[in-house]
């Protein structure tokens, strides 16, 4: 087996592990954690501490549902590429609407719990972004180092040294 074939097979194996197994595991884990936050929100309403129709409940639930629905698309690369094209005024309006809805709720303990739920959801989403980047970066690093090692072996690896040694031996015999 040549290093090129071994390298390609290793990269393919890593990609399969990452794309089909670990990536899906991370997405499922992130969704499960977001579902847990949505369940906490539901329990607030089920216990009668906040009305299901309250603006704070509806906005928090809408945000959590959007995060759950879009988890598979949460990658740092996608975020960085799309950031310049996003409507920042619309994002500020959305954040302001959620903040105002939470802050307008009359019960301070419910407001605190809503803030905790939304903060946890944000941290969970950021962790998904970071892990997706870390895994992608690691795969690119592995690919780069395999290619660099292959290039080194082809250009200045053991074959080159053995050719130089043979040439020096031939020169010593002739001289």
Protein backbone atom coordinates (compact mmCIF):
# COMPACT_ATOMS: atom_id res chain seq x y z
CA UNK A 1 0.00 0.00 0.00
CA UNK A 2 1.27 3.45 -0.81
CA UNK A 3 1.07 6.40 1.51
CA UNK A 4 -1.29 8.13 -0.91
CA UNK A 5 -3.77 5.30 -0.79
CA UNK A 6 -3.39 4.90 2.98
CA UNK A 7 -3.85 8.64 3.45
CA UNK A 8 -6.95 8.73 1.30
CA UNK A 9 -8.37 5.69 3.10
CA UNK A 10 -7.64 7.30 6.49
CA UNK A 11 -9.27 10.57 5.44
CA UNK A 12 -12.27 8.74 4.09
CA UNK A 13 -12.56 6.78 7.33
CA UNK A 14 -12.30 9.96 9.42
CA UNK A 15 -14.86 11.68 7.25
CA UNK A 16 -17.29 8.77 7.59
CA UNK A 17 -16.82 8.75 11.36
CA UNK A 18 -17.28 12.50 11.54
CA UNK A 19 -20.04 13.09 8.99
CA UNK A 20 -22.25 10.10 9.64
CA UNK A 21 -21.59 9.18 13.21
CA UNK A 22 -20.13 11.92 15.39
CA UNK A 23 -21.73 14.87 13.60
CA UNK A 24 -25.15 13.26 13.88
CA UNK A 25 -24.45 12.46 17.52
CA UNK A 26 -23.57 16.13 18.19
CA UNK A 27 -26.72 17.30 16.41
CA UNK A 28 -28.88 14.84 18.37
CA UNK A 29 -27.22 15.80 21.64
CA UNK A 30 -27.68 19.51 20.95
CA UNK A 31 -31.32 18.99 20.04
CA UNK A 32 -31.89 16.93 23.19
CA UNK A 33 -30.39 19.70 25.31
CA UNK A 34 -32.57 22.30 23.55
CA UNK A 35 -35.64 20.08 24.02
CA UNK A 36 -34.80 19.98 27.74
CA UNK A 37 -34.83 23.78 27.84
CA UNK A 38 -38.13 23.86 25.98
CA UNK A 39 -39.51 21.33 28.48
CA UNK A 40 -38.42 23.61 31.34
CA UNK A 41 -40.35 26.41 29.63
CA UNK A 42 -43.39 24.16 29.21
CA UNK A 43 -43.28 23.18 32.89
CA UNK A 44 -43.38 26.87 33.85
CA UNK A 45 -46.65 27.18 31.96
CA UNK A 46 -47.99 23.78 33.03
CA UNK A 47 -47.44 24.77 36.67
CA UNK A 48 -49.45 27.93 36.03
CA UNK A 49 -46.53 30.29 36.65
CA UNK A 50 -46.83 31.76 33.15
CA UNK A 51 -49.70 31.67 30.69
CA UNK A 52 -49.22 29.65 27.48
CA UNK A 53 -50.41 32.73 25.59
CA UNK A 54 -48.13 35.19 27.39
CA UNK A 55 -45.80 37.04 25.01
CA UNK A 56 -42.75 35.92 27.00
CA UNK A 57 -43.78 32.26 26.68
CA UNK A 58 -44.61 32.52 22.98
CA UNK A 59 -41.35 34.34 22.11
CA UNK A 60 -39.18 31.96 24.14
CA UNK A 61 -40.93 28.93 22.66
CA UNK A 62 -40.60 30.31 19.14
CA UNK A 63 -36.88 30.89 19.62
CA UNK A 64 -36.31 27.42 21.10
CA UNK A 65 -38.29 25.78 18.29
CA UNK A 66 -36.21 27.65 15.70
CA UNK A 67 -32.97 26.55 17.36
CA UNK A 68 -34.15 22.93 17.50
CA UNK A 69 -35.28 23.03 13.87
CA UNK A 70 -32.01 24.59 12.61
CA UNK A 71 -29.50 22.68 14.76
CA UNK A 72 -28.25 20.64 11.80
CA UNK A 73 -27.29 23.88 10.04
CA UNK A 74 -25.40 25.39 13.00
CA UNK A 75 -21.79 25.52 11.88
CA UNK A 76 -19.26 28.24 12.49
CA UNK A 77 -18.25 28.31 8.84
CA UNK A 78 -21.87 28.79 7.75
CA UNK A 79 -22.33 31.45 10.43
CA UNK A 80 -19.22 33.38 9.33
CA UNK A 81 -20.11 33.14 5.64
CA UNK A 82 -23.73 34.20 6.15
CA UNK A 83 -23.07 36.93 8.74
CA UNK A 84 -22.41 39.73 6.22
CA UNK A 85 -25.68 38.95 4.43
CA UNK A 86 -27.89 38.95 7.52
CA UNK A 87 -30.18 41.84 8.25
CA UNK A 88 -28.64 43.13 11.47
CA UNK A 89 -31.50 45.55 12.12
CA UNK A 90 -33.96 42.64 11.92
CA UNK A 91 -31.79 40.61 14.32
CA UNK A 92 -31.69 43.51 16.79
CA UNK A 93 -35.47 43.87 16.51
CA UNK A 94 -35.94 40.16 17.17
CA UNK A 95 -33.60 40.19 20.16
CA UNK A 96 -35.30 43.32 21.45
CA UNK A 97 -38.75 41.74 21.03
CA UNK A 98 -37.70 38.65 23.01
CA UNK A 99 -36.01 40.76 25.68
CA UNK A 100 -39.01 43.08 26.01
CA UNK A 101 -41.42 40.14 26.22
CA UNK A 102 -39.38 38.51 28.98
CA UNK A 103 -38.82 41.73 30.90
CA UNK A 104 -42.49 42.69 30.72
CA UNK A 105 -43.59 39.56 32.58
CA UNK A 106 -44.89 40.59 36.02
CA UNK A 107 -43.34 37.74 38.06
CA UNK A 108 -39.63 38.31 38.75
CA UNK A 109 -38.87 34.64 39.51
CA UNK A 110 -40.43 33.63 36.17
CA UNK A 111 -38.39 36.33 34.42
CA UNK A 112 -35.24 34.91 36.03
CA UNK A 113 -36.13 31.39 34.93
CA UNK A 114 -36.90 32.57 31.39
CA UNK A 115 -33.52 34.31 31.28
CA UNK A 116 -31.84 31.11 32.50
CA UNK A 117 -33.62 29.04 29.85
CA UNK A 118 -32.73 31.43 27.04
CA UNK A 119 -29.14 31.83 28.25
CA UNK A 120 -28.74 28.04 28.43
CA UNK A 121 -30.17 27.71 24.90
CA UNK A 122 -27.67 30.30 23.66
CA UNK A 123 -24.78 28.48 25.34
CA UNK A 124 -25.92 25.17 23.85
CA UNK A 125 -26.05 26.72 20.38
CA UNK A 126 -22.60 28.29 20.78
CA UNK A 127 -21.20 24.94 21.89
CA UNK A 128 -22.63 23.36 18.73
CA UNK A 129 -20.99 26.06 16.61
CA UNK A 130 -17.66 25.61 18.36
CA UNK A 131 -17.69 21.82 18.13
CA UNK A 132 -18.63 21.85 14.46
CA UNK A 133 -15.69 24.17 13.78
CA UNK A 134 -13.29 22.17 15.93
CA UNK A 135 -14.15 18.94 14.13
CA UNK A 136 -13.92 20.52 10.69
CA UNK A 137 -10.62 22.18 11.56
CA UNK A 138 -9.24 18.89 12.87
CA UNK A 139 -10.17 17.07 9.66
CA UNK A 140 -8.53 19.78 7.56
CA UNK A 141 -5.39 19.56 9.73
CA UNK A 142 -5.22 15.79 9.31
CA UNK A 143 -5.67 16.13 5.54
CA UNK A 144 -3.01 18.82 5.36
CA UNK A 145 -0.47 16.79 7.34
CA UNK A 146 -1.09 13.65 5.32
CA UNK A 147 -0.60 15.63 2.09
CA UNK A 148 2.52 17.33 3.48
CA UNK A 149 4.01 14.01 4.61
CA UNK A 150 3.27 12.47 1.24
CA UNK A 151 4.89 15.42 -0.53
CA UNK A 152 7.95 15.19 1.74
CA UNK A 153 8.32 11.47 1.11
CA UNK A 154 8.03 11.98 -2.63
CA UNK A 155 10.44 14.91 -2.79
CA UNK A 156 12.98 14.50 -0.03
CA UNK A 157 12.15 11.36 1.83
CA UNK A 158 14.09 8.13 2.20
CA UNK A 159 14.23 7.52 -1.58
CA UNK A 160 16.13 10.76 -2.13
CA UNK A 161 18.58 9.96 0.66
CA UNK A 162 19.16 6.46 -0.68
CA UNK A 163 19.81 7.94 -4.16
CA UNK A 164 22.34 10.37 -2.64
CA UNK A 165 24.05 7.57 -0.73
CA UNK A 166 24.25 5.43 -3.90
CA UNK A 167 25.69 8.39 -5.82
CA UNK A 168 28.30 8.99 -3.11
CA UNK A 169 29.19 5.27 -3.08
CA UNK A 170 29.53 5.28 -6.87
CA UNK A 171 31.75 8.37 -6.71
CA UNK A 172 33.90 6.72 -4.01
CA UNK A 173 34.32 3.58 -6.13
CA UNK A 174 35.20 5.56 -9.25
CA UNK A 175 37.52 7.98 -7.44
